[in-house]
Amino acid sequence: MSMTLFRPRRLALATLIACTGTLASVNTASLLASAASPDCISWRVSGICYWLFCTPFGCSVKTSVKVTHFIPQAVVSAYLSPGENPWTEMSAASATADGMESALLGGAAGVETGGGRQEMKAPGMRRQNLHFYYGDAYGHPATKIIGGMVPGYSCDSAATPFMPYFASALDALAWRTGMPESLYPEALIPGSREIVSTLSGNMWGNVYPRSGFVTQTDSYKSAAVVVQRVADIITRQGQLHVYGPLTGQRSPGYWPPEPVQENTGTKNHKWQRLSPQLSQRCAVFPDSGGLVAQNGNYAWALWQPYSCCKRRGQTFLYSIDFSEAHKP
């Protein structure tokens, strides 16, 4: 009799947790479900494409609808200790990569490995609010479902599900030392490449140097800075990091997204909170309402916009946006 009463209570508790969206970790099933978000996809008809269609009897101009929508590209995580990636199925892969960190550093002088609580304090000094996070980026499991779901009315994704695009432990030297990016103009010029800005009085953190160390009093904001840095790396070619580029190749009738850039609104990316708070909406940093993770581990889904149109002829002529023209 007691077991009969206990099971419904457990079910009710599980339902309550799912409804509130507060999760210490996420799994592939919840990621697939969370991708069905109209707010994140933001599908719209954005213009018209023109094609030259030729046959032995002559040529004519055909048109097709141009659509624009966002696709979940990657799950980007920021976590404190080796193997604590909040994406359950990827935690083992992250642990394997994290375990290689010491070997990859090769005992570099002054470079320590391992994780721990994010607040660091020098002996006899005030708390520095210096946080260190591991950062990972794996292809979103729903990227091919949302991308190319309806031929002609949805665009193909450049991402590959479960593909490891970045594991900070494999990029340990740059991720822990910030070199050589600490010497870049973006890192040295005040006000350059900051999330929000110092002048606004609400600066979350600097994008450069793109390392795991962030000076920030707020755990949520410091993790957000780290995942922004990871996205900044993987959406560009030729960066001095160990990573796999997540970039698309532009072709006739197909416009993949531009690299991620902070403070540009939703022009080239959005973030969907996954852990510790699963959200059905997307936003850009700085956002509000994000929960602070008690274990210090966070995960977001990186969404980026694609535009495309269905091929209607042998030659792409041009496209007209309802807001601006795109030339081939």
C-alpha atoms as a PDB file:
ATOM      1  CA  MET A   1       0.000   0.000   0.000  1.00  0.00           C
ATOM      2  CA  SER A   2       2.829   2.404   0.900  1.00  0.00           C
ATOM      3  CA  MET A   3       4.659   1.650  -2.371  1.00  0.00           C
ATOM      4  CA  THR A   4       1.495   2.409  -4.336  1.00  0.00           C
ATOM      5  CA  LEU A   5       1.299   5.848  -2.745  1.00  0.00           C
ATOM      6  CA  PHE A   6       5.032   6.509  -3.044  1.00  0.00           C
ATOM      7  CA  ARG A   7       5.282   5.992  -6.805  1.00  0.00           C
ATOM      8  CA  PRO A   8       2.733   8.710  -7.708  1.00  0.00           C
ATOM      9  CA  ARG A   9       4.580  11.077  -5.415  1.00  0.00           C
ATOM     10  CA  ARG A  10       7.842  10.368  -7.190  1.00  0.00           C
ATOM     11  CA  LEU A  11       6.125  10.863 -10.537  1.00  0.00           C
ATOM     12  CA  ALA A  12       4.625  14.168  -9.388  1.00  0.00           C
ATOM     13  CA  LEU A  13       8.036  15.350  -8.178  1.00  0.00           C
ATOM     14  CA  ALA A  14       9.667  14.439 -11.492  1.00  0.00           C
ATOM     15  CA  THR A  15       6.908  16.251 -13.373  1.00  0.00           C
ATOM     16  CA  LEU A  16       7.341  19.340 -11.213  1.00  0.00           C
ATOM     17  CA  ILE A  17      11.100  19.408 -11.868  1.00  0.00           C
ATOM     18  CA  ALA A  18      10.557  19.010 -15.612  1.00  0.00           C
ATOM     19  CA  CYS A  19       7.969  21.792 -15.693  1.00  0.00           C
ATOM     20  CA  THR A  20      10.141  24.246 -13.803  1.00  0.00           C
ATOM     21  CA  GLY A  21      13.020  23.473 -16.135  1.00  0.00           C
ATOM     22  CA  THR A  22      15.598  23.289 -13.340  1.00  0.00           C
ATOM     23  CA  LEU A  23      18.067  20.567 -14.208  1.00  0.00           C
ATOM     24  CA  ALA A  24      21.577  19.813 -12.953  1.00  0.00           C
ATOM     25  CA  SER A  25      22.308  18.166 -16.303  1.00  0.00           C
ATOM     26  CA  VAL A  26      20.713  17.583 -19.683  1.00  0.00           C
ATOM     27  CA  ASN A  27      20.544  14.544 -21.918  1.00  0.00           C
ATOM     28  CA  THR A  28      20.088  14.014 -25.624  1.00  0.00           C
ATOM     29  CA  ALA A  29      16.338  13.437 -25.311  1.00  0.00           C
ATOM     30  CA  SER A  30      15.805  16.760 -23.531  1.00  0.00           C
ATOM     31  CA  LEU A  31      18.006  18.531 -26.078  1.00  0.00           C
ATOM     32  CA  LEU A  32      15.908  17.165 -28.940  1.00  0.00           C
ATOM     33  CA  ALA A  33      12.715  18.281 -27.193  1.00  0.00           C
ATOM     34  CA  SER A  34      14.093  21.736 -26.378  1.00  0.00           C
ATOM     35  CA  ALA A  35      14.969  22.338 -30.031  1.00  0.00           C
ATOM     36  CA  ALA A  36      11.257  22.492 -30.944  1.00  0.00           C
ATOM     37  CA  SER A  37      11.162  26.139 -29.916  1.00  0.00           C
ATOM     38  CA  PRO A  38       9.414  28.613 -32.270  1.00  0.00           C
ATOM     39  CA  ASP A  39      11.082  31.488 -30.428  1.00  0.00           C
ATOM     40  CA  CYS A  40      14.549  30.055 -31.143  1.00  0.00           C
ATOM     41  CA  ILE A  41      13.841  28.907 -34.721  1.00  0.00           C
ATOM     42  CA  SER A  42      12.302  32.268 -35.742  1.00  0.00           C
ATOM     43  CA  TRP A  43      11.352  31.025 -39.233  1.00  0.00           C
ATOM     44  CA  ARG A  44      10.302  33.675 -41.732  1.00  0.00           C
ATOM     45  CA  VAL A  45      10.029  34.335 -45.448  1.00  0.00           C
ATOM     46  CA  SER A  46      12.831  36.842 -46.028  1.00  0.00           C
ATOM     47  CA  GLY A  47      12.955  37.385 -49.781  1.00  0.00           C
ATOM     48  CA  ILE A  48      12.889  35.997 -53.315  1.00  0.00           C
ATOM     49  CA  CYS A  49      15.558  34.149 -55.332  1.00  0.00           C
ATOM     50  CA  TYR A  50      15.873  34.355 -59.116  1.00  0.00           C
ATOM     51  CA  TRP A  51      17.195  31.464 -61.258  1.00  0.00           C
ATOM     52  CA  LEU A  52      17.944  31.081 -64.951  1.00  0.00           C
ATOM     53  CA  PHE A  53      16.310  27.917 -66.273  1.00  0.00           C
ATOM     54  CA  CYS A  54      17.322  26.799 -69.758  1.00  0.00           C
ATOM     55  CA  THR A  55      16.086  24.024 -72.037  1.00  0.00           C
ATOM     56  CA  PRO A  56      16.758  23.248 -75.722  1.00  0.00           C
ATOM     57  CA  PHE A  57      13.760  25.460 -76.465  1.00  0.00           C
ATOM     58  CA  GLY A  58      15.026  28.554 -74.680  1.00  0.00           C
ATOM     59  CA  CYS A  59      15.628  30.121 -71.278  1.00  0.00           C
ATOM     60  CA  SER A  60      13.370  31.651 -68.685  1.00  0.00           C
ATOM     61  CA  VAL A  61      13.694  33.167 -65.225  1.00  0.00           C
ATOM     62  CA  LYS A  62      12.244  31.180 -62.322  1.00  0.00           C
ATOM     63  CA  THR A  63      11.695  32.354 -58.775  1.00  0.00           C
ATOM     64  CA  SER A  64      11.692  30.642 -55.404  1.00  0.00           C
ATOM     65  CA  VAL A  65      10.945  31.767 -51.887  1.00  0.00           C
ATOM     66  CA  LYS A  66      13.886  32.734 -49.699  1.00  0.00           C
ATOM     67  CA  VAL A  67      13.563  31.725 -46.057  1.00  0.00           C
ATOM     68  CA  THR A  68      15.594  32.599 -42.988  1.00  0.00           C
ATOM     69  CA  HIS A  69      15.629  30.715 -39.698  1.00  0.00           C
ATOM     70  CA  PHE A  70      17.899  29.738 -36.831  1.00  0.00           C
ATOM     71  CA  ILE A  71      19.395  26.254 -36.366  1.00  0.00           C
ATOM     72  CA  PRO A  72      20.837  24.783 -33.136  1.00  0.00           C
ATOM     73  CA  GLN A  73      24.511  24.447 -33.994  1.00  0.00           C
ATOM     74  CA  ALA A  74      26.246  23.262 -30.837  1.00  0.00           C
ATOM     75  CA  VAL A  75      25.858  22.568 -27.153  1.00  0.00           C
ATOM     76  CA  VAL A  76      28.451  24.727 -25.412  1.00  0.00           C
ATOM     77  CA  SER A  77      29.285  23.960 -21.790  1.00  0.00           C
ATOM     78  CA  ALA A  78      31.286  25.699 -19.068  1.00  0.00           C
ATOM     79  CA  TYR A  79      32.109  23.605 -16.014  1.00  0.00           C
ATOM     80  CA  LEU A  80      34.467  23.656 -13.059  1.00  0.00           C
ATOM     81  CA  SER A  81      36.078  20.239 -12.775  1.00  0.00           C
ATOM     82  CA  PRO A  82      37.246  17.544 -15.204  1.00  0.00           C
ATOM     83  CA  GLY A  83      34.445  15.304 -16.472  1.00  0.00           C
ATOM     84  CA  GLU A  84      31.577  17.510 -15.208  1.00  0.00           C
ATOM     85  CA  ASN A  85      30.123  18.450 -18.607  1.00  0.00           C
ATOM     86  CA  PRO A  86      26.365  18.916 -17.941  1.00  0.00           C
ATOM     87  CA  TRP A  87      25.446  17.035 -21.159  1.00  0.00           C
ATOM     88  CA  THR A  88      25.141  13.526 -19.753  1.00  0.00           C
ATOM     89  CA  GLU A  89      26.040  11.575 -22.889  1.00  0.00           C
ATOM     90  CA  MET A  90      29.075  13.780 -23.566  1.00  0.00           C
ATOM     91  CA  SER A  91      30.432  13.823 -20.018  1.00  0.00           C
ATOM     92  CA  ALA A  92      32.454  10.642 -20.636  1.00  0.00           C
ATOM     93  CA  ALA A  93      34.004  12.119 -23.786  1.00  0.00           C
ATOM     94  CA  SER A  94      34.812  15.303 -21.890  1.00  0.00           C
ATOM     95  CA  ALA A  95      36.343  13.303 -19.046  1.00  0.00           C
ATOM     96  CA  THR A  96      38.605  11.482 -21.514  1.00  0.00           C
ATOM     97  CA  ALA A  97      39.759  14.784 -23.031  1.00  0.00           C
ATOM     98  CA  ASP A  98      40.165  16.369 -19.607  1.00  0.00           C
ATOM     99  CA  GLY A  99      42.282  13.403 -18.509  1.00  0.00           C
ATOM    100  CA  MET A 100      44.763  14.167 -21.299  1.00  0.00           C
ATOM    101  CA  GLU A 101      45.332  17.722 -20.101  1.00  0.00           C
ATOM    102  CA  SER A 102      48.405  17.058 -17.947  1.00  0.00           C
ATOM    103  CA  ALA A 103      50.047  15.023 -20.688  1.00  0.00           C
ATOM    104  CA  LEU A 104      49.417  17.717 -23.299  1.00  0.00           C
ATOM    105  CA  LEU A 105      50.847  20.469 -21.110  1.00  0.00           C
ATOM    106  CA  GLY A 106      53.949  18.372 -20.604  1.00  0.00           C
ATOM    107  CA  GLY A 107      54.750  19.975 -17.278  1.00  0.00           C
ATOM    108  CA  ALA A 108      54.927  23.503 -18.689  1.00  0.00           C
ATOM    109  CA  ALA A 109      56.433  25.776 -16.066  1.00  0.00           C
ATOM    110  CA  GLY A 110      53.862  27.609 -13.979  1.00  0.00           C
ATOM    111  CA  VAL A 111      50.850  25.983 -15.677  1.00  0.00           C
ATOM    112  CA  GLU A 112      48.710  23.965 -13.272  1.00  0.00           C
ATOM    113  CA  THR A 113      46.001  21.528 -14.291  1.00  0.00           C
ATOM    114  CA  GLY A 114      42.821  20.293 -12.689  1.00  0.00           C
ATOM    115  CA  GLY A 115      39.625  22.006 -11.645  1.00  0.00           C
ATOM    116  CA  GLY A 116      37.927  23.123  -8.482  1.00  0.00           C
ATOM    117  CA  ARG A 117      35.734  25.873  -7.108  1.00  0.00           C
ATOM    118  CA  GLN A 118      35.798  28.901  -9.314  1.00  0.00           C
ATOM    119  CA  GLU A 119      36.656  31.541  -6.755  1.00  0.00           C
ATOM    120  CA  MET A 120      40.401  31.986  -6.250  1.00  0.00           C
ATOM    121  CA  LYS A 121      42.097  33.961  -3.503  1.00  0.00           C
ATOM    122  CA  ALA A 122      45.775  34.773  -3.119  1.00  0.00           C
ATOM    123  CA  PRO A 123      47.139  34.168   0.410  1.00  0.00           C
ATOM    124  CA  GLY A 124      46.776  37.267   2.569  1.00  0.00           C
ATOM    125  CA  MET A 125      44.863  39.147  -0.123  1.00  0.00           C
ATOM    126  CA  ARG A 126      41.233  39.919  -0.866  1.00  0.00           C
ATOM    127  CA  ARG A 127      39.177  37.572  -3.005  1.00  0.00           C
ATOM    128  CA  GLN A 128      40.064  38.140  -6.648  1.00  0.00           C
ATOM    129  CA  ASN A 129      36.791  36.850  -8.142  1.00  0.00           C
ATOM    130  CA  LEU A 130      38.945  34.990 -10.653  1.00  0.00           C
ATOM    131  CA  HIS A 131      37.002  32.047 -12.097  1.00  0.00           C
ATOM    132  CA  PHE A 132      38.337  29.155 -14.172  1.00  0.00           C
ATOM    133  CA  TYR A 133      36.122  27.008 -16.382  1.00  0.00           C
ATOM    134  CA  TYR A 134      36.618  24.137 -18.740  1.00  0.00           C
ATOM    135  CA  GLY A 135      34.749  24.725 -21.991  1.00  0.00           C
ATOM    136  CA  ASP A 136      33.375  22.225 -24.525  1.00  0.00           C
ATOM    137  CA  ALA A 137      31.363  22.479 -27.734  1.00  0.00           C
ATOM    138  CA  TYR A 138      29.674  19.461 -29.325  1.00  0.00           C
ATOM    139  CA  GLY A 139      27.356  19.387 -32.318  1.00  0.00           C
ATOM    140  CA  HIS A 140      23.714  19.731 -31.278  1.00  0.00           C
ATOM    141  CA  PRO A 141      21.776  16.455 -31.724  1.00  0.00           C
ATOM    142  CA  ALA A 142      18.850  18.290 -33.372  1.00  0.00           C
ATOM    143  CA  THR A 143      20.917  20.295 -35.849  1.00  0.00           C
ATOM    144  CA  LYS A 144      20.028  18.081 -38.842  1.00  0.00           C
ATOM    145  CA  ILE A 145      16.407  17.763 -37.733  1.00  0.00           C
ATOM    146  CA  ILE A 146      15.784  21.514 -37.671  1.00  0.00           C
ATOM    147  CA  GLY A 147      18.161  22.107 -40.591  1.00  0.00           C
ATOM    148  CA  GLY A 148      16.780  20.729 -43.857  1.00  0.00           C
ATOM    149  CA  MET A 149      13.609  19.459 -42.196  1.00  0.00           C
ATOM    150  CA  VAL A 150      11.369  20.678 -45.047  1.00  0.00           C
ATOM    151  CA  PRO A 151      13.246  20.810 -48.392  1.00  0.00           C
ATOM    152  CA  GLY A 152      12.919  24.226 -49.958  1.00  0.00           C
ATOM    153  CA  TYR A 153      11.573  25.777 -46.779  1.00  0.00           C
ATOM    154  CA  SER A 154      14.388  25.045 -44.319  1.00  0.00           C
ATOM    155  CA  CYS A 155      18.146  25.313 -44.688  1.00  0.00           C
ATOM    156  CA  ASP A 156      20.808  22.657 -44.258  1.00  0.00           C
ATOM    157  CA  SER A 157      22.987  22.938 -41.168  1.00  0.00           C
ATOM    158  CA  ALA A 158      26.772  23.109 -41.390  1.00  0.00           C
ATOM    159  CA  ALA A 159      27.053  21.355 -38.026  1.00  0.00           C
ATOM    160  CA  THR A 160      27.351  17.621 -37.418  1.00  0.00           C
ATOM    161  CA  PRO A 161      25.513  16.118 -34.418  1.00  0.00           C
ATOM    162  CA  PHE A 162      27.781  15.092 -31.527  1.00  0.00           C
ATOM    163  CA  MET A 163      30.893  16.330 -33.371  1.00  0.00           C
ATOM    164  CA  PRO A 164      33.525  17.613 -30.890  1.00  0.00           C
ATOM    165  CA  TYR A 165      34.262  21.133 -32.104  1.00  0.00           C
ATOM    166  CA  PHE A 166      36.115  22.256 -29.010  1.00  0.00           C
ATOM    167  CA  ALA A 167      37.423  20.651 -25.827  1.00  0.00           C
ATOM    168  CA  SER A 168      39.398  23.090 -23.704  1.00  0.00           C
ATOM    169  CA  ALA A 169      41.512  20.305 -22.202  1.00  0.00           C
ATOM    170  CA  LEU A 170      42.916  19.560 -25.674  1.00  0.00           C
ATOM    171  CA  ASP A 171      43.637  23.282 -26.063  1.00  0.00           C
ATOM    172  CA  ALA A 172      45.123  23.377 -22.578  1.00  0.00           C
ATOM    173  CA  LEU A 173      48.148  25.594 -23.168  1.00  0.00           C
ATOM    174  CA  ALA A 174      46.218  28.454 -24.781  1.00  0.00           C
ATOM    175  CA  TRP A 175      43.157  27.921 -22.572  1.00  0.00           C
ATOM    176  CA  ARG A 176      45.125  28.160 -19.319  1.00  0.00           C
ATOM    177  CA  THR A 177      47.760  30.758 -20.238  1.00  0.00           C
ATOM    178  CA  GLY A 178      45.787  33.039 -22.563  1.00  0.00           C
ATOM    179  CA  MET A 179      48.815  33.185 -24.838  1.00  0.00           C
ATOM    180  CA  PRO A 180      49.395  34.533 -27.390  1.00  0.00           C
ATOM    181  CA  GLU A 181      46.002  36.270 -27.324  1.00  0.00           C
ATOM    182  CA  SER A 182      46.882  38.297 -24.215  1.00  0.00           C
ATOM    183  CA  LEU A 183      49.127  40.310 -26.553  1.00  0.00           C
ATOM    184  CA  TYR A 184      46.458  40.886 -29.213  1.00  0.00           C
ATOM    185  CA  PRO A 185      45.042  44.423 -29.648  1.00  0.00           C
ATOM    186  CA  GLU A 186      41.586  43.036 -28.756  1.00  0.00           C
ATOM    187  CA  ALA A 187      42.945  42.161 -25.300  1.00  0.00           C
ATOM    188  CA  LEU A 188      45.041  45.282 -24.774  1.00  0.00           C
ATOM    189  CA  ILE A 189      42.717  48.060 -25.960  1.00  0.00           C
ATOM    190  CA  PRO A 190      40.211  49.042 -23.229  1.00  0.00           C
ATOM    191  CA  GLY A 191      36.611  48.652 -24.357  1.00  0.00           C
ATOM    192  CA  SER A 192      37.467  46.332 -27.239  1.00  0.00           C
ATOM    193  CA  ARG A 193      35.553  43.059 -27.616  1.00  0.00           C
ATOM    194  CA  GLU A 194      33.603  43.273 -24.360  1.00  0.00           C
ATOM    195  CA  ILE A 195      30.215  41.742 -23.604  1.00  0.00           C
ATOM    196  CA  VAL A 196      28.165  44.912 -23.056  1.00  0.00           C
ATOM    197  CA  SER A 197      30.821  47.536 -22.218  1.00  0.00           C
ATOM    198  CA  THR A 198      32.699  49.096 -19.341  1.00  0.00           C
ATOM    199  CA  LEU A 199      31.137  52.483 -20.095  1.00  0.00           C
ATOM    200  CA  SER A 200      27.619  51.056 -19.662  1.00  0.00           C
ATOM    201  CA  GLY A 201      28.441  50.019 -16.103  1.00  0.00           C
ATOM    202  CA  ASN A 202      27.233  46.465 -16.812  1.00  0.00           C
ATOM    203  CA  MET A 203      30.294  44.870 -18.396  1.00  0.00           C
ATOM    204  CA  TRP A 204      30.098  41.065 -18.120  1.00  0.00           C
ATOM    205  CA  GLY A 205      33.596  40.331 -19.307  1.00  0.00           C
ATOM    206  CA  ASN A 206      36.092  40.605 -22.141  1.00  0.00           C
ATOM    207  CA  VAL A 207      36.083  38.115 -25.010  1.00  0.00           C
ATOM    208  CA  TYR A 208      39.896  38.319 -25.391  1.00  0.00           C
ATOM    209  CA  PRO A 209      42.029  36.597 -24.372  1.00  0.00           C
ATOM    210  CA  ARG A 210      39.856  33.567 -25.145  1.00  0.00           C
ATOM    211  CA  SER A 211      40.857  31.439 -22.166  1.00  0.00           C
ATOM    212  CA  GLY A 212      39.150  29.732 -19.241  1.00  0.00           C
ATOM    213  CA  PHE A 213      39.870  32.513 -16.717  1.00  0.00           C
ATOM    214  CA  VAL A 214      37.288  35.226 -16.082  1.00  0.00           C
ATOM    215  CA  THR A 215      37.243  37.996 -13.472  1.00  0.00           C
ATOM    216  CA  GLN A 216      33.595  38.335 -12.499  1.00  0.00           C
ATOM    217  CA  THR A 217      31.630  38.250  -9.234  1.00  0.00           C
ATOM    218  CA  ASP A 218      28.659  36.400 -10.733  1.00  0.00           C
ATOM    219  CA  SER A 219      28.924  32.697 -11.571  1.00  0.00           C
ATOM    220  CA  TYR A 220      26.293  32.823 -14.337  1.00  0.00           C
ATOM    221  CA  LYS A 221      27.931  35.799 -16.034  1.00  0.00           C
ATOM    222  CA  SER A 222      31.419  34.301 -15.851  1.00  0.00           C
ATOM    223  CA  ALA A 223      30.203  31.050 -17.455  1.00  0.00           C
ATOM    224  CA  ALA A 224      28.404  33.074 -20.135  1.00  0.00           C
ATOM    225  CA  VAL A 225      31.661  34.851 -20.981  1.00  0.00           C
ATOM    226  CA  VAL A 226      33.397  31.485 -21.348  1.00  0.00           C
ATOM    227  CA  VAL A 227      30.805  30.000 -23.721  1.00  0.00           C
ATOM    228  CA  GLN A 228      30.839  33.245 -25.747  1.00  0.00           C
ATOM    229  CA  ARG A 229      34.594  32.800 -26.123  1.00  0.00           C
ATOM    230  CA  VAL A 230      34.189  29.182 -27.229  1.00  0.00           C
ATOM    231  CA  ALA A 231      31.581  30.185 -29.822  1.00  0.00           C
ATOM    232  CA  ASP A 232      33.852  32.996 -30.997  1.00  0.00           C
ATOM    233  CA  ILE A 233      36.615  30.461 -31.650  1.00  0.00           C
ATOM    234  CA  ILE A 234      34.695  27.671 -33.355  1.00  0.00           C
ATOM    235  CA  THR A 235      32.742  29.914 -35.761  1.00  0.00           C
ATOM    236  CA  ARG A 236      35.969  31.245 -37.294  1.00  0.00           C
ATOM    237  CA  GLN A 237      38.701  29.732 -39.420  1.00  0.00           C
ATOM    238  CA  GLY A 238      42.425  29.839 -38.649  1.00  0.00           C
ATOM    239  CA  GLN A 239      42.368  30.571 -34.914  1.00  0.00           C
ATOM    240  CA  LEU A 240      45.429  29.710 -32.790  1.00  0.00           C
ATOM    241  CA  HIS A 241      43.553  27.057 -30.844  1.00  0.00           C
ATOM    242  CA  VAL A 242      43.041  23.319 -31.058  1.00  0.00           C
ATOM    243  CA  TYR A 243      39.488  23.039 -32.399  1.00  0.00           C
ATOM    244  CA  GLY A 244      37.270  22.083 -35.319  1.00  0.00           C
ATOM    245  CA  PRO A 245      35.791  25.034 -37.256  1.00  0.00           C
ATOM    246  CA  LEU A 246      31.992  25.148 -37.329  1.00  0.00           C
ATOM    247  CA  THR A 247      31.568  27.181 -40.485  1.00  0.00           C
ATOM    248  CA  GLY A 248      29.410  26.783 -43.579  1.00  0.00           C
ATOM    249  CA  GLN A 249      30.379  27.314 -47.201  1.00  0.00           C
ATOM    250  CA  ARG A 250      28.321  29.882 -49.038  1.00  0.00           C
ATOM    251  CA  SER A 251      26.870  28.659 -52.350  1.00  0.00           C
ATOM    252  CA  PRO A 252      24.185  29.767 -54.838  1.00  0.00           C
ATOM    253  CA  GLY A 253      20.930  30.067 -52.933  1.00  0.00           C
ATOM    254  CA  TYR A 254      22.533  29.232 -49.580  1.00  0.00           C
ATOM    255  CA  TRP A 255      23.782  31.729 -46.974  1.00  0.00           C
ATOM    256  CA  PRO A 256      25.327  30.208 -43.819  1.00  0.00           C
ATOM    257  CA  PRO A 257      25.756  32.388 -40.724  1.00  0.00           C
ATOM    258  CA  GLU A 258      28.506  34.889 -40.066  1.00  0.00           C
ATOM    259  CA  PRO A 259      30.907  34.270 -37.139  1.00  0.00           C
ATOM    260  CA  VAL A 260      29.516  34.888 -33.670  1.00  0.00           C
ATOM    261  CA  GLN A 261      29.990  38.471 -32.512  1.00  0.00           C
ATOM    262  CA  GLU A 262      28.977  39.946 -29.174  1.00  0.00           C
ATOM    263  CA  ASN A 263      26.775  43.042 -28.837  1.00  0.00           C
ATOM    264  CA  THR A 264      25.138  42.564 -32.244  1.00  0.00           C
ATOM    265  CA  GLY A 265      21.724  41.430 -31.025  1.00  0.00           C
ATOM    266  CA  THR A 266      20.419  38.345 -32.818  1.00  0.00           C
ATOM    267  CA  LYS A 267      22.176  39.206 -36.078  1.00  0.00           C
ATOM    268  CA  ASN A 268      24.484  36.174 -35.995  1.00  0.00           C
ATOM    269  CA  HIS A 269      23.558  34.048 -32.982  1.00  0.00           C
ATOM    270  CA  LYS A 270      21.276  33.319 -30.031  1.00  0.00           C
ATOM    271  CA  TRP A 271      21.738  31.374 -26.807  1.00  0.00           C
ATOM    272  CA  GLN A 272      19.234  28.924 -25.298  1.00  0.00           C
ATOM    273  CA  ARG A 273      19.756  28.072 -21.632  1.00  0.00           C
ATOM    274  CA  LEU A 274      19.979  24.320 -21.010  1.00  0.00           C
ATOM    275  CA  SER A 275      21.501  23.804 -17.563  1.00  0.00           C
ATOM    276  CA  PRO A 276      20.845  24.483 -14.741  1.00  0.00           C
ATOM    277  CA  GLN A 277      17.682  26.038 -16.188  1.00  0.00           C
ATOM    278  CA  LEU A 278      16.102  24.595 -19.333  1.00  0.00           C
ATOM    279  CA  SER A 279      14.420  27.362 -21.291  1.00  0.00           C
ATOM    280  CA  GLN A 280      12.167  27.292 -24.359  1.00  0.00           C
ATOM    281  CA  ARG A 281      13.275  30.787 -25.357  1.00  0.00           C
ATOM    282  CA  CYS A 282      16.475  32.198 -26.811  1.00  0.00           C
ATOM    283  CA  ALA A 283      18.363  35.371 -25.982  1.00  0.00           C
ATOM    284  CA  VAL A 284      21.750  37.007 -26.342  1.00  0.00           C
ATOM    285  CA  PHE A 285      24.104  38.143 -23.619  1.00  0.00           C
ATOM    286  CA  PRO A 286      23.509  40.151 -21.527  1.00  0.00           C
ATOM    287  CA  ASP A 287      20.253  38.393 -20.687  1.00  0.00           C
ATOM    288  CA  SER A 288      18.290  38.342 -17.455  1.00  0.00           C
ATOM    289  CA  GLY A 289      16.686  35.668 -15.327  1.00  0.00           C
ATOM    290  CA  GLY A 290      19.410  33.031 -15.612  1.00  0.00           C
ATOM    291  CA  LEU A 291      19.735  30.828 -12.538  1.00  0.00           C
ATOM    292  CA  VAL A 292      23.068  30.436 -10.768  1.00  0.00           C
ATOM    293  CA  ALA A 293      24.115  26.772 -10.785  1.00  0.00           C
ATOM    294  CA  GLN A 294      24.816  25.414  -7.322  1.00  0.00           C
ATOM    295  CA  ASN A 295      27.480  23.084  -8.741  1.00  0.00           C
ATOM    296  CA  GLY A 296      28.906  25.843 -10.932  1.00  0.00           C
ATOM    297  CA  ASN A 297      28.287  23.969 -14.212  1.00  0.00           C
ATOM    298  CA  TYR A 298      26.371  25.468 -17.159  1.00  0.00           C
ATOM    299  CA  ALA A 299      25.292  24.595 -20.688  1.00  0.00           C
ATOM    300  CA  TRP A 300      23.764  26.609 -23.522  1.00  0.00           C
ATOM    301  CA  ALA A 301      22.660  25.779 -27.054  1.00  0.00           C
ATOM    302  CA  LEU A 302      24.203  27.996 -29.719  1.00  0.00           C
ATOM    303  CA  TRP A 303      21.670  28.910 -32.446  1.00  0.00           C
ATOM    304  CA  GLN A 304      22.701  30.642 -35.681  1.00  0.00           C
ATOM    305  CA  PRO A 305      20.705  32.047 -38.627  1.00  0.00           C
ATOM    306  CA  TYR A 306      20.682  30.543 -42.125  1.00  0.00           C
ATOM    307  CA  SER A 307      19.058  31.793 -45.322  1.00  0.00           C
ATOM    308  CA  CYS A 308      18.331  29.637 -48.356  1.00  0.00           C
ATOM    309  CA  CYS A 309      16.003  29.082 -51.292  1.00  0.00           C
ATOM    310  CA  LYS A 310      15.081  26.113 -53.435  1.00  0.00           C
ATOM    311  CA  ARG A 311      17.003  25.676 -56.696  1.00  0.00           C
ATOM    312  CA  ARG A 312      14.733  26.386 -59.662  1.00  0.00           C
ATOM    313  CA  GLY A 313      17.272  26.597 -62.479  1.00  0.00           C
ATOM    314  CA  GLN A 314      20.827  25.881 -63.572  1.00  0.00           C
ATOM    315  CA  THR A 315      22.172  29.344 -62.745  1.00  0.00           C
ATOM    316  CA  PHE A 316      21.556  31.489 -59.693  1.00  0.00           C
ATOM    317  CA  LEU A 317      21.053  35.090 -60.764  1.00  0.00           C
ATOM    318  CA  TYR A 318      20.468  37.027 -57.550  1.00  0.00           C
ATOM    319  CA  SER A 319      18.189  37.353 -54.564  1.00  0.00           C
ATOM    320  CA  ILE A 320      16.164  40.206 -53.155  1.00  0.00           C
ATOM    321  CA  ASP A 321      15.588  40.498 -49.444  1.00  0.00           C
ATOM    322  CA  PHE A 322      12.557  42.335 -48.209  1.00  0.00           C
ATOM    323  CA  SER A 323      15.062  44.478 -46.288  1.00  0.00           C
ATOM    324  CA  GLU A 324      18.185  44.397 -48.460  1.00  0.00           C
ATOM    325  CA  ALA A 325      19.594  42.821 -51.634  1.00  0.00           C
ATOM    326  CA  HIS A 326      22.069  39.911 -51.604  1.00  0.00           C
ATOM    327  CA  LYS A 327      24.196  39.584 -54.698  1.00  0.00           C
ATOM    328  CA  PRO A 328      25.756  36.229 -55.739  1.00  0.00           C
END
